[in-house]
Amino acid sequence: MAKQEATAAVLREAVLSLIGDPGVARRSRELREELRAAGGTLRAVSVIESYLS
């Protein structure tokens, strides 16, 4: 695949191709559940704040 300029049309096409991919949808659900099980955004904030302090 040749390098393409990141135009709105190119990005739109890429996003639309991902939206229609059942494998991407499945993996997105799995990742969402993994993140929730790990504490979600509140846990992420806590870890980042601990690291920065």
C-alpha atoms as a PDB file:
ATOM      1  CA  MET A   1       0.000   0.000   0.000  1.00  0.00           C
ATOM      2  CA  ALA A   2       1.405   3.364  -1.017  1.00  0.00           C
ATOM      3  CA  LYS A   3       1.642   6.189   1.461  1.00  0.00           C
ATOM      4  CA  GLN A   4      -1.357   8.475   1.223  1.00  0.00           C
ATOM      5  CA  GLU A   5      -1.951  11.976   2.408  1.00  0.00           C
ATOM      6  CA  ALA A   6      -4.296  12.011   5.402  1.00  0.00           C
ATOM      7  CA  THR A   7      -7.155  13.849   3.766  1.00  0.00           C
ATOM      8  CA  ALA A   8     -10.676  13.842   5.126  1.00  0.00           C
ATOM      9  CA  ALA A   9     -11.746  11.493   2.341  1.00  0.00           C
ATOM     10  CA  VAL A  10      -8.941   9.007   3.024  1.00  0.00           C
ATOM     11  CA  LEU A  11      -9.633   9.023   6.766  1.00  0.00           C
ATOM     12  CA  ARG A  12     -13.369   8.643   6.189  1.00  0.00           C
ATOM     13  CA  GLU A  13     -12.807   5.627   3.959  1.00  0.00           C
ATOM     14  CA  ALA A  14     -10.502   4.032   6.538  1.00  0.00           C
ATOM     15  CA  VAL A  15     -12.975   4.532   9.383  1.00  0.00           C
ATOM     16  CA  LEU A  16     -15.880   3.219   7.348  1.00  0.00           C
ATOM     17  CA  SER A  17     -13.932   0.093   6.448  1.00  0.00           C
ATOM     18  CA  LEU A  18     -13.235  -0.550  10.144  1.00  0.00           C
ATOM     19  CA  ILE A  19     -16.844   0.054  11.183  1.00  0.00           C
ATOM     20  CA  GLY A  20     -18.009  -2.668   8.844  1.00  0.00           C
ATOM     21  CA  ASP A  21     -15.441  -5.239   9.990  1.00  0.00           C
ATOM     22  CA  PRO A  22     -16.977  -7.788  12.419  1.00  0.00           C
ATOM     23  CA  GLY A  23     -13.531  -8.719  13.740  1.00  0.00           C
ATOM     24  CA  VAL A  24     -12.792  -5.127  14.688  1.00  0.00           C
ATOM     25  CA  ALA A  25     -16.168  -4.838  16.417  1.00  0.00           C
ATOM     26  CA  ARG A  26     -15.560  -8.055  18.363  1.00  0.00           C
ATOM     27  CA  ARG A  27     -12.078  -7.011  19.472  1.00  0.00           C
ATOM     28  CA  SER A  28     -13.342  -3.548  20.437  1.00  0.00           C
ATOM     29  CA  ARG A  29     -15.963  -5.143  22.715  1.00  0.00           C
ATOM     30  CA  GLU A  30     -13.299  -7.385  24.268  1.00  0.00           C
ATOM     31  CA  LEU A  31     -10.969  -4.448  24.907  1.00  0.00           C
ATOM     32  CA  ARG A  32     -13.804  -2.377  26.384  1.00  0.00           C
ATOM     33  CA  GLU A  33     -14.605  -5.149  28.855  1.00  0.00           C
ATOM     34  CA  GLU A  34     -10.926  -5.645  29.736  1.00  0.00           C
ATOM     35  CA  LEU A  35     -10.558  -1.930  30.455  1.00  0.00           C
ATOM     36  CA  ARG A  36     -13.693  -1.870  32.586  1.00  0.00           C
ATOM     37  CA  ALA A  37     -12.523  -4.920  34.534  1.00  0.00           C
ATOM     38  CA  ALA A  38      -9.187  -3.191  35.168  1.00  0.00           C
ATOM     39  CA  GLY A  39     -10.927  -0.205  36.746  1.00  0.00           C
ATOM     40  CA  GLY A  40     -11.739   1.930  33.730  1.00  0.00           C
ATOM     41  CA  THR A  41     -10.857   5.576  33.409  1.00  0.00           C
ATOM     42  CA  LEU A  42     -10.832   6.279  37.152  1.00  0.00           C
ATOM     43  CA  ARG A  43      -8.173   3.638  37.662  1.00  0.00           C
ATOM     44  CA  ALA A  44      -6.170   5.002  34.718  1.00  0.00           C
ATOM     45  CA  VAL A  45      -6.251   8.504  36.223  1.00  0.00           C
ATOM     46  CA  SER A  46      -5.113   7.134  39.569  1.00  0.00           C
ATOM     47  CA  VAL A  47      -2.179   5.272  38.011  1.00  0.00           C
ATOM     48  CA  ILE A  48      -1.105   8.320  35.992  1.00  0.00           C
ATOM     49  CA  GLU A  49      -1.358  10.640  38.996  1.00  0.00           C
ATOM     50  CA  SER A  50       0.663   8.221  41.121  1.00  0.00           C
ATOM     51  CA  TYR A  51       3.322   8.048  38.434  1.00  0.00           C
ATOM     52  CA  LEU A  52       3.535  11.828  38.125  1.00  0.00           C
ATOM     53  CA  SER A  53       3.734  12.546  41.850  1.00  0.00           C
END
